[in-house]
C-alpha cells in the first residue's frame, strides 16, 4: 500500500503544475475576450433604433419572361432545314441562315 500512496502523491504533484500553467494560459485568453466585447456592444444600435425591412414581394410580371417571336421563327427555320433535306438543298441553306439569325436575335433580345 505504501507504493500506491507514493504513486498518488506523484500524480498530485504532477497535476498541480499543469493546473497552474492552464490558469496562466487561460488568463490572457480571458483578457482578450474582455477587450473584444465592449466594442461589439458599442456597435450595436439601441433596441428602439432597429428598423425592420419590409418584405418585398415581386409581381408576377417581373418573374415571368416576356413574350417573344423568336421561338416561333426558330421553329420555322428548323422546319425549312428539314424540308430542304428532303426536297432542295437551297431551302436547307436558307433555313440554316434563318436559324443562325434567330439564335442571334433571341440572345440579344432586349428586355
PDB file of N, CA and C in Angstrom:
ATOM      1  N   UNK A   1       0.801  -1.183   0.000  1.00  0.00           N
ATOM      2  CA  UNK A   1       0.000   0.000   0.000  1.00  0.00           C
ATOM      3  C   UNK A   1       0.851   1.256   0.000  1.00  0.00           C
ATOM      4  N   UNK A   2       1.969   1.201   0.483  1.00  0.00           N
ATOM      5  CA  UNK A   2       2.819   2.382   0.518  1.00  0.00           C
ATOM      6  C   UNK A   2       3.200   2.815  -0.888  1.00  0.00           C
ATOM      7  N   UNK A   3       3.398   1.855  -1.779  1.00  0.00           N
ATOM      8  CA  UNK A   3       3.731   2.219  -3.154  1.00  0.00           C
ATOM      9  C   UNK A   3       2.550   2.935  -3.810  1.00  0.00           C
ATOM     10  N   UNK A   4       1.352   2.487  -3.524  1.00  0.00           N
ATOM     11  CA  UNK A   4       0.171   3.120  -4.099  1.00  0.00           C
ATOM     12  C   UNK A   4       0.042   4.555  -3.607  1.00  0.00           C
ATOM     13  N   UNK A   5       0.342   4.801  -2.325  1.00  0.00           N
ATOM     14  CA  UNK A   5       0.280   6.155  -1.778  1.00  0.00           C
ATOM     15  C   UNK A   5       1.341   7.042  -2.419  1.00  0.00           C
ATOM     16  N   UNK A   6       2.518   6.461  -2.645  1.00  0.00           N
ATOM     17  CA  UNK A   6       3.591   7.237  -3.268  1.00  0.00           C
ATOM     18  C   UNK A   6       3.213   7.625  -4.695  1.00  0.00           C
ATOM     19  N   UNK A   7       2.593   6.693  -5.420  1.00  0.00           N
ATOM     20  CA  UNK A   7       2.160   6.994  -6.785  1.00  0.00           C
ATOM     21  C   UNK A   7       1.093   8.084  -6.783  1.00  0.00           C
ATOM     22  N   UNK A   8       0.188   8.022  -5.815  1.00  0.00           N
ATOM     23  CA  UNK A   8      -0.851   9.045  -5.727  1.00  0.00           C
ATOM     24  C   UNK A   8      -0.244  10.414  -5.467  1.00  0.00           C
ATOM     25  N   UNK A   9       0.764  10.481  -4.591  1.00  0.00           N
ATOM     26  CA  UNK A   9       1.408  11.753  -4.295  1.00  0.00           C
ATOM     27  C   UNK A   9       2.116  12.310  -5.519  1.00  0.00           C
ATOM     28  N   UNK A  10       2.762  11.421  -6.298  1.00  0.00           N
ATOM     29  CA  UNK A  10       3.456  11.863  -7.508  1.00  0.00           C
ATOM     30  C   UNK A  10       2.456  12.407  -8.525  1.00  0.00           C
ATOM     31  N   UNK A  11       1.333  11.749  -8.615  1.00  0.00           N
ATOM     32  CA  UNK A  11       0.306  12.208  -9.557  1.00  0.00           C
ATOM     33  C   UNK A  11      -0.240  13.568  -9.141  1.00  0.00           C
ATOM     34  N   UNK A  12      -0.452  13.756  -7.871  1.00  0.00           N
ATOM     35  CA  UNK A  12      -0.946  15.039  -7.393  1.00  0.00           C
ATOM     36  C   UNK A  12       0.055  16.151  -7.661  1.00  0.00           C
ATOM     37  N   UNK A  13       1.332  15.862  -7.414  1.00  0.00           N
ATOM     38  CA  UNK A  13       2.368  16.864  -7.652  1.00  0.00           C
ATOM     39  C   UNK A  13       2.462  17.213  -9.134  1.00  0.00           C
ATOM     40  N   UNK A  14       2.368  16.192  -9.996  1.00  0.00           N
ATOM     41  CA  UNK A  14       2.469  16.460 -11.426  1.00  0.00           C
ATOM     42  C   UNK A  14       1.221  17.165 -11.942  1.00  0.00           C
ATOM     43  N   UNK A  15       0.095  16.945 -11.293  1.00  0.00           N
ATOM     44  CA  UNK A  15      -1.142  17.588 -11.722  1.00  0.00           C
ATOM     45  C   UNK A  15      -1.181  19.053 -11.314  1.00  0.00           C
ATOM     46  N   UNK A  16      -0.544  19.424 -10.210  1.00  0.00           N
ATOM     47  CA  UNK A  16      -0.585  20.799  -9.731  1.00  0.00           C
ATOM     48  C   UNK A  16       0.094  21.775 -10.696  1.00  0.00           C
ATOM     49  N   UNK A  17       1.271  21.504 -11.221  1.00  0.00           N
ATOM     50  CA  UNK A  17       1.866  22.464 -12.157  1.00  0.00           C
ATOM     51  C   UNK A  17       1.044  22.612 -13.432  1.00  0.00           C
ATOM     52  N   UNK A  18       0.431  21.541 -13.883  1.00  0.00           N
ATOM     53  CA  UNK A  18      -0.385  21.643 -15.093  1.00  0.00           C
ATOM     54  C   UNK A  18      -1.563  22.570 -14.848  1.00  0.00           C
ATOM     55  N   UNK A  19      -2.164  22.472 -13.690  1.00  0.00           N
ATOM     56  CA  UNK A  19      -3.298  23.323 -13.358  1.00  0.00           C
ATOM     57  C   UNK A  19      -2.864  24.780 -13.311  1.00  0.00           C
ATOM     58  N   UNK A  20      -1.699  25.048 -12.727  1.00  0.00           N
ATOM     59  CA  UNK A  20      -1.213  26.418 -12.649  1.00  0.00           C
ATOM     60  C   UNK A  20      -0.907  26.965 -14.038  1.00  0.00           C
ATOM     61  N   UNK A  21      -0.290  26.146 -14.889  1.00  0.00           N
ATOM     62  CA  UNK A  21       0.030  26.620 -16.231  1.00  0.00           C
ATOM     63  C   UNK A  21      -1.242  26.817 -17.040  1.00  0.00           C
ATOM     64  N   UNK A  22      -2.236  25.980 -16.810  1.00  0.00           N
ATOM     65  CA  UNK A  22      -3.501  26.152 -17.513  1.00  0.00           C
ATOM     66  C   UNK A  22      -4.165  27.452 -17.093  1.00  0.00           C
ATOM     67  N   UNK A  23      -4.032  27.819 -15.837  1.00  0.00           N
ATOM     68  CA  UNK A  23      -4.602  29.070 -15.372  1.00  0.00           C
ATOM     69  C   UNK A  23      -3.869  30.254 -15.978  1.00  0.00           C
ATOM     70  N   UNK A  24      -2.567  30.136 -16.109  1.00  0.00           N
ATOM     71  CA  UNK A  24      -1.778  31.216 -16.690  1.00  0.00           C
ATOM     72  C   UNK A  24      -2.142  31.401 -18.155  1.00  0.00           C
ATOM     73  N   UNK A  25      -2.325  30.295 -18.878  1.00  0.00           N
ATOM     74  CA  UNK A  25      -2.664  30.370 -20.286  1.00  0.00           C
ATOM     75  C   UNK A  25      -4.085  30.886 -20.456  1.00  0.00           C
ATOM     76  N   UNK A  26      -4.977  30.495 -19.576  1.00  0.00           N
ATOM     77  CA  UNK A  26      -6.370  30.908 -19.694  1.00  0.00           C
ATOM     78  C   UNK A  26      -6.544  32.381 -19.391  1.00  0.00           C
ATOM     79  N   UNK A  27      -5.724  32.941 -18.550  1.00  0.00           N
ATOM     80  CA  UNK A  27      -5.867  34.336 -18.162  1.00  0.00           C
ATOM     81  C   UNK A  27      -5.725  35.292 -19.353  1.00  0.00           C
ATOM     82  N   UNK A  28      -4.705  35.169 -20.224  1.00  0.00           N
ATOM     83  CA  UNK A  28      -4.640  36.086 -21.363  1.00  0.00           C
ATOM     84  C   UNK A  28      -5.824  35.920 -22.311  1.00  0.00           C
ATOM     85  N   UNK A  29      -6.308  34.698 -22.467  1.00  0.00           N
ATOM     86  CA  UNK A  29      -7.446  34.490 -23.349  1.00  0.00           C
ATOM     87  C   UNK A  29      -8.673  35.208 -22.809  1.00  0.00           C
ATOM     88  N   UNK A  30      -8.856  35.183 -21.500  1.00  0.00           N
ATOM     89  CA  UNK A  30      -9.983  35.886 -20.906  1.00  0.00           C
ATOM     90  C   UNK A  30      -9.835  37.384 -21.096  1.00  0.00           C
ATOM     91  N   UNK A  31      -8.611  37.901 -21.017  1.00  0.00           N
ATOM     92  CA  UNK A  31      -8.388  39.327 -21.207  1.00  0.00           C
ATOM     93  C   UNK A  31      -8.713  39.734 -22.636  1.00  0.00           C
ATOM     94  N   UNK A  32      -8.341  38.882 -23.589  1.00  0.00           N
ATOM     95  CA  UNK A  32      -8.626  39.188 -24.987  1.00  0.00           C
ATOM     96  C   UNK A  32     -10.127  39.240 -25.228  1.00  0.00           C
ATOM     97  N   UNK A  33     -10.859  38.313 -24.625  1.00  0.00           N
ATOM     98  CA  UNK A  33     -12.298  38.301 -24.806  1.00  0.00           C
ATOM     99  C   UNK A  33     -12.916  39.548 -24.194  1.00  0.00           C
ATOM    100  N   UNK A  34     -12.405  39.975 -23.058  1.00  0.00           N
ATOM    101  CA  UNK A  34     -12.933  41.172 -22.430  1.00  0.00           C
ATOM    102  C   UNK A  34     -12.657  42.399 -23.283  1.00  0.00           C
ATOM    103  N   UNK A  35     -11.511  42.441 -23.946  1.00  0.00           N
ATOM    104  CA  UNK A  35     -11.169  43.583 -24.782  1.00  0.00           C
ATOM    105  C   UNK A  35     -12.047  43.639 -26.020  1.00  0.00           C
ATOM    106  N   UNK A  36     -12.428  42.499 -26.547  1.00  0.00           N
ATOM    107  CA  UNK A  36     -13.219  42.452 -27.768  1.00  0.00           C
ATOM    108  C   UNK A  36     -14.686  42.763 -27.485  1.00  0.00           C
ATOM    109  N   UNK A  37     -15.189  42.390 -26.347  1.00  0.00           N
ATOM    110  CA  UNK A  37     -16.608  42.508 -26.038  1.00  0.00           C
ATOM    111  C   UNK A  37     -17.120  43.953 -26.022  1.00  0.00           C
ATOM    112  N   UNK A  38     -16.470  44.923 -25.378  1.00  0.00           N
ATOM    113  CA  UNK A  38     -17.044  46.272 -25.330  1.00  0.00           C
ATOM    114  C   UNK A  38     -17.222  46.942 -26.694  1.00  0.00           C
ATOM    115  N   UNK A  39     -16.275  46.851 -27.649  1.00  0.00           N
ATOM    116  CA  UNK A  39     -16.529  47.497 -28.939  1.00  0.00           C
ATOM    117  C   UNK A  39     -17.715  46.891 -29.671  1.00  0.00           C
ATOM    118  N   UNK A  40     -17.908  45.588 -29.548  1.00  0.00           N
ATOM    119  CA  UNK A  40     -19.038  44.961 -30.219  1.00  0.00           C
ATOM    120  C   UNK A  40     -20.348  45.476 -29.637  1.00  0.00           C
ATOM    121  N   UNK A  41     -20.378  45.646 -28.338  1.00  0.00           N
ATOM    122  CA  UNK A  41     -21.583  46.149 -27.701  1.00  0.00           C
ATOM    123  C   UNK A  41     -21.844  47.594 -28.128  1.00  0.00           C
ATOM    124  N   UNK A  42     -20.791  48.368 -28.331  1.00  0.00           N
ATOM    125  CA  UNK A  42     -20.954  49.761 -28.726  1.00  0.00           C
ATOM    126  C   UNK A  42     -21.443  49.879 -30.163  1.00  0.00           C
ATOM    127  N   UNK A  43     -21.113  48.920 -31.034  1.00  0.00           N
ATOM    128  CA  UNK A  43     -21.512  48.971 -32.430  1.00  0.00           C
ATOM    129  C   UNK A  43     -22.987  48.639 -32.628  1.00  0.00           C
ATOM    130  N   UNK A  44     -23.583  47.912 -31.719  1.00  0.00           N
ATOM    131  CA  UNK A  44     -24.972  47.522 -31.865  1.00  0.00           C
ATOM    132  C   UNK A  44     -25.875  48.714 -31.574  1.00  0.00           C
ATOM    133  N   UNK A  45     -26.858  48.954 -32.441  1.00  0.00           N
ATOM    134  CA  UNK A  45     -27.751  50.087 -32.210  1.00  0.00           C
ATOM    135  C   UNK A  45     -28.709  49.792 -31.057  1.00  0.00           C
ATOM    136  N   UNK A  46     -29.302  50.840 -30.548  1.00  0.00           N
ATOM    137  CA  UNK A  46     -30.265  50.678 -29.465  1.00  0.00           C
ATOM    138  C   UNK A  46     -31.477  49.905 -29.976  1.00  0.00           C
ATOM    139  N   UNK A  47     -32.203  49.299 -29.069  1.00  0.00           N
ATOM    140  CA  UNK A  47     -33.340  48.467 -29.471  1.00  0.00           C
ATOM    141  C   UNK A  47     -34.411  49.264 -30.203  1.00  0.00           C
ATOM    142  N   UNK A  48     -34.634  50.494 -29.822  1.00  0.00           N
ATOM    143  CA  UNK A  48     -35.645  51.315 -30.476  1.00  0.00           C
ATOM    144  C   UNK A  48     -35.220  51.773 -31.858  1.00  0.00           C
ATOM    145  N   UNK A  49     -33.926  51.796 -32.153  1.00  0.00           N
ATOM    146  CA  UNK A  49     -33.423  52.308 -33.422  1.00  0.00           C
ATOM    147  C   UNK A  49     -33.384  51.246 -34.514  1.00  0.00           C
ATOM    148  N   UNK A  50     -33.693  50.013 -34.192  1.00  0.00           N
ATOM    149  CA  UNK A  50     -33.625  48.936 -35.187  1.00  0.00           C
ATOM    150  C   UNK A  50     -34.795  49.077 -36.147  1.00  0.00           C
ATOM    151  N   UNK A  51     -34.473  49.145 -37.437  1.00  0.00           N
ATOM    152  CA  UNK A  51     -35.517  49.261 -38.449  1.00  0.00           C
ATOM    153  C   UNK A  51     -35.765  47.900 -39.069  1.00  0.00           C
ATOM    154  N   UNK A  52     -36.995  47.574 -39.213  1.00  0.00           N
ATOM    155  CA  UNK A  52     -37.351  46.311 -39.858  1.00  0.00           C
ATOM    156  C   UNK A  52     -37.578  46.578 -41.333  1.00  0.00           C
ATOM    157  N   UNK A  53     -37.034  45.703 -42.155  1.00  0.00           N
ATOM    158  CA  UNK A  53     -37.221  45.844 -43.593  1.00  0.00           C
ATOM    159  C   UNK A  53     -38.567  45.260 -43.987  1.00  0.00           C
ATOM    160  N   UNK A  54     -39.173  45.920 -44.919  1.00  0.00           N
ATOM    161  CA  UNK A  54     -40.428  45.392 -45.430  1.00  0.00           C
ATOM    162  C   UNK A  54     -40.130  44.264 -46.393  1.00  0.00           C
ATOM    163  N   UNK A  55     -40.934  43.258 -46.345  1.00  0.00           N
ATOM    164  CA  UNK A  55     -40.745  42.113 -47.228  1.00  0.00           C
ATOM    165  C   UNK A  55     -41.241  42.496 -48.620  1.00  0.00           C
ATOM    166  N   UNK A  56     -40.330  42.474 -49.585  1.00  0.00           N
ATOM    167  CA  UNK A  56     -40.660  42.855 -50.947  1.00  0.00           C
ATOM    168  C   UNK A  56     -41.096  41.609 -51.697  1.00  0.00           C
ATOM    169  N   UNK A  57     -42.332  41.650 -52.168  1.00  0.00           N
ATOM    170  CA  UNK A  57     -42.869  40.535 -52.934  1.00  0.00           C
ATOM    171  C   UNK A  57     -42.902  40.966 -54.395  1.00  0.00           C
ATOM    172  N   UNK A  58     -42.133  40.291 -55.274  1.00  0.00           N
ATOM    173  CA  UNK A  58     -42.128  40.701 -56.676  1.00  0.00           C
ATOM    174  C   UNK A  58     -43.457  40.378 -57.353  1.00  0.00           C
ATOM    175  N   UNK A  59     -43.784  41.191 -58.322  1.00  0.00           N
ATOM    176  CA  UNK A  59     -45.015  40.956 -59.078  1.00  0.00           C
ATOM    177  C   UNK A  59     -44.816  39.790 -60.033  1.00  0.00           C
ATOM    178  N   UNK A  60     -45.918  39.212 -60.446  1.00  0.00           N
ATOM    179  CA  UNK A  60     -45.844  38.066 -61.349  1.00  0.00           C
ATOM    180  C   UNK A  60     -45.241  38.468 -62.691  1.00  0.00           C
ATOM    181  N   UNK A  61     -45.519  39.685 -63.132  1.00  0.00           N
ATOM    182  CA  UNK A  61     -44.980  40.158 -64.411  1.00  0.00           C
ATOM    183  C   UNK A  61     -43.455  40.261 -64.375  1.00  0.00           C
ATOM    184  N   UNK A  62     -42.888  40.539 -63.181  1.00  0.00           N
ATOM    185  CA  UNK A  62     -41.442  40.660 -63.062  1.00  0.00           C
ATOM    186  C   UNK A  62     -40.752  39.304 -63.116  1.00  0.00           C
ATOM    187  N   UNK A  63     -41.449  38.255 -62.692  1.00  0.00           N
ATOM    188  CA  UNK A  63     -40.846  36.930 -62.653  1.00  0.00           C
ATOM    189  C   UNK A  63     -40.956  36.171 -63.978  1.00  0.00           C
ATOM    190  N   UNK A  64     -42.013  36.412 -64.712  1.00  0.00           N
ATOM    191  CA  UNK A  64     -42.246  35.674 -65.947  1.00  0.00           C
ATOM    192  C   UNK A  64     -41.480  36.311 -67.110  1.00  0.00           C
ATOM    193  N   UNK A  65     -40.997  35.501 -68.041  1.00  0.00           N
ATOM    194  CA  UNK A  65     -40.319  36.084 -69.210  1.00  0.00           C
ATOM    195  C   UNK A  65     -41.329  36.757 -70.131  1.00  0.00           C
ATOM    196  N   UNK A  66     -40.835  37.718 -70.873  1.00  0.00           N
ATOM    197  CA  UNK A  66     -41.703  38.411 -71.826  1.00  0.00           C
ATOM    198  C   UNK A  66     -42.054  37.499 -72.993  1.00  0.00           C
ATOM    199  N   UNK A  67     -43.134  37.827 -73.632  1.00  0.00           N
ATOM    200  CA  UNK A  67     -43.484  37.071 -74.834  1.00  0.00           C
ATOM    201  C   UNK A  67     -42.518  37.461 -75.953  1.00  0.00           C
ATOM    202  N   UNK A  68     -42.184  36.478 -76.792  1.00  0.00           N
ATOM    203  CA  UNK A  68     -41.194  36.707 -77.828  1.00  0.00           C
ATOM    204  C   UNK A  68     -41.605  35.978 -79.099  1.00  0.00           C
ATOM    205  N   UNK A  69     -41.193  36.514 -80.226  1.00  0.00           N
ATOM    206  CA  UNK A  69     -41.480  35.906 -81.521  1.00  0.00           C
ATOM    207  C   UNK A  69     -40.414  34.893 -81.919  1.00  0.00           C
ATOM    208  N   UNK A  70     -39.248  34.940 -81.230  1.00  0.00           N
ATOM    209  CA  UNK A  70     -38.103  34.137 -81.645  1.00  0.00           C
ATOM    210  C   UNK A  70     -38.336  32.619 -81.557  1.00  0.00           C
ATOM    211  N   UNK A  71     -39.049  32.090 -80.609  1.00  0.00           N
ATOM    212  CA  UNK A  71     -39.292  30.641 -80.635  1.00  0.00           C
ATOM    213  C   UNK A  71     -40.080  30.197 -81.872  1.00  0.00           C
ATOM    214  N   UNK A  72     -41.049  31.009 -82.279  1.00  0.00           N
ATOM    215  CA  UNK A  72     -41.836  30.658 -83.465  1.00  0.00           C
ATOM    216  C   UNK A  72     -40.972  30.712 -84.726  1.00  0.00           C
ATOM    217  N   UNK A  73     -40.157  31.752 -84.862  1.00  0.00           N
ATOM    218  CA  UNK A  73     -39.300  31.893 -86.043  1.00  0.00           C
ATOM    219  C   UNK A  73     -38.244  30.780 -86.059  1.00  0.00           C
ATOM    220  N   UNK A  74     -37.749  30.385 -84.901  1.00  0.00           N
ATOM    221  CA  UNK A  74     -36.779  29.289 -84.826  1.00  0.00           C
ATOM    222  C   UNK A  74     -37.422  27.982 -85.291  1.00  0.00           C
ATOM    223  N   UNK A  75     -38.673  27.778 -84.928  1.00  0.00           N
ATOM    224  CA  UNK A  75     -39.389  26.572 -85.372  1.00  0.00           C
ATOM    225  C   UNK A  75     -39.547  26.566 -86.890  1.00  0.00           C
ATOM    226  N   UNK A  76     -39.856  27.721 -87.453  1.00  0.00           N
ATOM    227  CA  UNK A  76     -39.977  27.825 -88.913  1.00  0.00           C
ATOM    228  C   UNK A  76     -38.632  27.542 -89.571  1.00  0.00           C
ATOM    229  N   UNK A  77     -37.550  28.044 -89.014  1.00  0.00           N
ATOM    230  CA  UNK A  77     -36.215  27.828 -89.582  1.00  0.00           C
ATOM    231  C   UNK A  77     -35.847  26.344 -89.542  1.00  0.00           C
ATOM    232  N   UNK A  78     -36.132  25.678 -88.437  1.00  0.00           N
ATOM    233  CA  UNK A  78     -35.821  24.243 -88.344  1.00  0.00           C
ATOM    234  C   UNK A  78     -36.688  23.450 -89.319  1.00  0.00           C
ATOM    235  N   UNK A  79     -37.939  23.873 -89.499  1.00  0.00           N
ATOM    236  CA  UNK A  79     -38.811  23.206 -90.477  1.00  0.00           C
ATOM    237  C   UNK A  79     -38.260  23.377 -91.887  1.00  0.00           C
ATOM    238  N   UNK A  80     -37.751  24.572 -92.198  1.00  0.00           N
ATOM    239  CA  UNK A  80     -37.160  24.796 -93.524  1.00  0.00           C
ATOM    240  C   UNK A  80     -35.928  23.916 -93.736  1.00  0.00           C
ATOM    241  N   UNK A  81     -35.137  23.731 -92.703  1.00  0.00           N
ATOM    242  CA  UNK A  81     -33.953  22.874 -92.802  1.00  0.00           C
ATOM    243  C   UNK A  81     -34.379  21.441 -93.103  1.00  0.00           C
ATOM    244  N   UNK A  82     -35.390  20.949 -92.408  1.00  0.00           N
ATOM    245  CA  UNK A  82     -35.855  19.562 -92.635  1.00  0.00           C
ATOM    246  C   UNK A  82     -36.474  19.393 -94.022  1.00  0.00           C
ATOM    247  N   UNK A  83     -37.247  20.386 -94.464  1.00  0.00           N
ATOM    248  CA  UNK A  83     -37.835  20.328 -95.811  1.00  0.00           C
ATOM    249  C   UNK A  83     -36.719  20.390 -96.856  1.00  0.00           C
ATOM    250  N   UNK A  84     -35.699  21.184 -96.587  1.00  0.00           N
ATOM    251  CA  UNK A  84     -34.577  21.285 -97.513  1.00  0.00           C
ATOM    252  C   UNK A  84     -33.814  19.980 -97.643  1.00  0.00           C
ATOM    253  N   UNK A  85     -33.717  19.205 -96.567  1.00  0.00           N
ATOM    254  CA  UNK A  85     -33.066  17.892 -96.661  1.00  0.00           C
ATOM    255  C   UNK A  85     -33.846  16.966 -97.602  1.00  0.00           C
ATOM    256  N   UNK A  86     -35.161  17.101 -97.587  1.00  0.00           N
ATOM    257  CA  UNK A  86     -35.988  16.201 -98.404  1.00  0.00           C
ATOM    258  C   UNK A  86     -36.049  16.672 -99.853  1.00  0.00           C
ATOM    259  N   UNK A  87     -36.263  17.973-100.110  1.00  0.00           N
ATOM    260  CA  UNK A  87     -36.523  18.439-101.473  1.00  0.00           C
ATOM    261  C   UNK A  87     -35.347  19.173-102.114  1.00  0.00           C
ATOM    262  N   UNK A  88     -34.945  20.310-101.575  1.00  0.00           N
ATOM    263  CA  UNK A  88     -33.947  21.148-102.223  1.00  0.00           C
ATOM    264  C   UNK A  88     -32.875  21.581-101.222  1.00  0.00           C
ATOM    265  N   UNK A  89     -31.585  21.454-101.567  1.00  0.00           N
ATOM    266  CA  UNK A  89     -30.520  21.931-100.678  1.00  0.00           C
ATOM    267  C   UNK A  89     -30.517  23.445-100.498  1.00  0.00           C
ATOM    268  N   UNK A  90     -31.057  24.175-101.468  1.00  0.00           N
ATOM    269  CA  UNK A  90     -31.109  25.630-101.344  1.00  0.00           C
ATOM    270  C   UNK A  90     -32.050  26.030-100.193  1.00  0.00           C
ATOM    271  N   UNK A  91     -33.147  25.340-100.071  1.00  0.00           N
ATOM    272  CA  UNK A  91     -34.093  25.609 -98.985  1.00  0.00           C
ATOM    273  C   UNK A  91     -33.439  25.273 -97.641  1.00  0.00           C
ATOM    274  N   UNK A  92     -32.624  24.208 -97.617  1.00  0.00           N
ATOM    275  CA  UNK A  92     -31.900  23.827 -96.401  1.00  0.00           C
ATOM    276  C   UNK A  92     -30.926  24.935 -96.009  1.00  0.00           C
ATOM    277  N   UNK A  93     -30.207  25.490 -96.967  1.00  0.00           N
ATOM    278  CA  UNK A  93     -29.273  26.587 -96.700  1.00  0.00           C
ATOM    279  C   UNK A  93     -29.996  27.828 -96.201  1.00  0.00           C
ATOM    280  N   UNK A  94     -31.162  28.110 -96.805  1.00  0.00           N
ATOM    281  CA  UNK A  94     -31.963  29.247 -96.371  1.00  0.00           C
ATOM    282  C   UNK A  94     -32.420  29.052 -94.905  1.00  0.00           C
ATOM    283  N   UNK A  95     -32.787  27.831 -94.557  1.00  0.00           N
ATOM    284  CA  UNK A  95     -33.203  27.518 -93.187  1.00  0.00           C
ATOM    285  C   UNK A  95     -32.052  27.678 -92.193  1.00  0.00           C
ATOM    286  N   UNK A  96     -30.838  27.285 -92.602  1.00  0.00           N
ATOM    287  CA  UNK A  96     -29.670  27.425 -91.722  1.00  0.00           C
ATOM    288  C   UNK A  96     -29.378  28.900 -91.466  1.00  0.00           C
ATOM    289  N   UNK A  97     -29.429  29.724 -92.533  1.00  0.00           N
ATOM    290  CA  UNK A  97     -29.185  31.158 -92.374  1.00  0.00           C
ATOM    291  C   UNK A  97     -30.247  31.764 -91.460  1.00  0.00           C
ATOM    292  N   UNK A  98     -31.500  31.368 -91.668  1.00  0.00           N
ATOM    293  CA  UNK A  98     -32.582  31.876 -90.825  1.00  0.00           C
ATOM    294  C   UNK A  98     -32.421  31.424 -89.371  1.00  0.00           C
ATOM    295  N   UNK A  99     -31.984  30.187 -89.162  1.00  0.00           N
ATOM    296  CA  UNK A  99     -31.775  29.666 -87.810  1.00  0.00           C
ATOM    297  C   UNK A  99     -30.665  30.433 -87.092  1.00  0.00           C
ATOM    298  N   UNK A 100     -29.585  30.717 -87.794  1.00  0.00           N
ATOM    299  CA  UNK A 100     -28.490  31.495 -87.189  1.00  0.00           C
ATOM    300  C   UNK A 100     -28.974  32.893 -86.807  1.00  0.00           C
ATOM    301  N   UNK A 101     -29.770  33.512 -87.697  1.00  0.00           N
ATOM    302  CA  UNK A 101     -30.332  34.827 -87.388  1.00  0.00           C
ATOM    303  C   UNK A 101     -31.277  34.773 -86.185  1.00  0.00           C
ATOM    304  N   UNK A 102     -32.045  33.694 -86.084  1.00  0.00           N
ATOM    305  CA  UNK A 102     -32.966  33.544 -84.946  1.00  0.00           C
ATOM    306  C   UNK A 102     -32.204  33.406 -83.633  1.00  0.00           C
ATOM    307  N   UNK A 103     -31.163  32.605 -83.646  1.00  0.00           N
ATOM    308  CA  UNK A 103     -30.384  32.396 -82.423  1.00  0.00           C
ATOM    309  C   UNK A 103     -29.748  33.708 -81.969  1.00  0.00           C
ATOM    310  N   UNK A 104     -29.181  34.457 -82.904  1.00  0.00           N
ATOM    311  CA  UNK A 104     -28.565  35.744 -82.561  1.00  0.00           C
ATOM    312  C   UNK A 104     -29.622  36.727 -82.052  1.00  0.00           C
ATOM    313  N   UNK A 105     -30.768  36.775 -82.730  1.00  0.00           N
ATOM    314  CA  UNK A 105     -31.841  37.678 -82.293  1.00  0.00           C
ATOM    315  C   UNK A 105     -32.380  37.312 -80.922  1.00  0.00           C
ATOM    316  N   UNK A 106     -32.509  36.028 -80.665  1.00  0.00           N
ATOM    317  CA  UNK A 106     -33.042  35.565 -79.384  1.00  0.00           C
ATOM    318  C   UNK A 106     -32.065  35.862 -78.243  1.00  0.00           C
ATOM    319  N   UNK A 107     -30.767  35.719 -78.515  1.00  0.00           N
ATOM    320  CA  UNK A 107     -29.763  36.005 -77.482  1.00  0.00           C
ATOM    321  C   UNK A 107     -29.719  37.486 -77.158  1.00  0.00           C
ATOM    322  N   UNK A 108     -29.774  38.339 -78.173  1.00  0.00           N
ATOM    323  CA  UNK A 108     -29.624  39.771 -77.958  1.00  0.00           C
ATOM    324  C   UNK A 108     -30.955  40.507 -77.792  1.00  0.00           C
ATOM    325  N   UNK A 109     -32.017  39.771 -77.565  1.00  0.00           N
ATOM    326  CA  UNK A 109     -33.306  40.403 -77.356  1.00  0.00           C
ATOM    327  C   UNK A 109     -33.283  41.243 -76.084  1.00  0.00           C
ATOM    328  N   UNK A 110     -33.716  42.469 -76.197  1.00  0.00           N
ATOM    329  CA  UNK A 110     -33.699  43.367 -75.022  1.00  0.00           C
ATOM    330  C   UNK A 110     -34.971  43.193 -74.235  1.00  0.00           C
ATOM    331  N   UNK A 111     -34.802  43.353 -72.939  1.00  0.00           N
ATOM    332  CA  UNK A 111     -35.959  43.205 -72.051  1.00  0.00           C
ATOM    333  C   UNK A 111     -36.466  44.555 -71.668  1.00  0.00           C
TER     334      UNK A 111
END
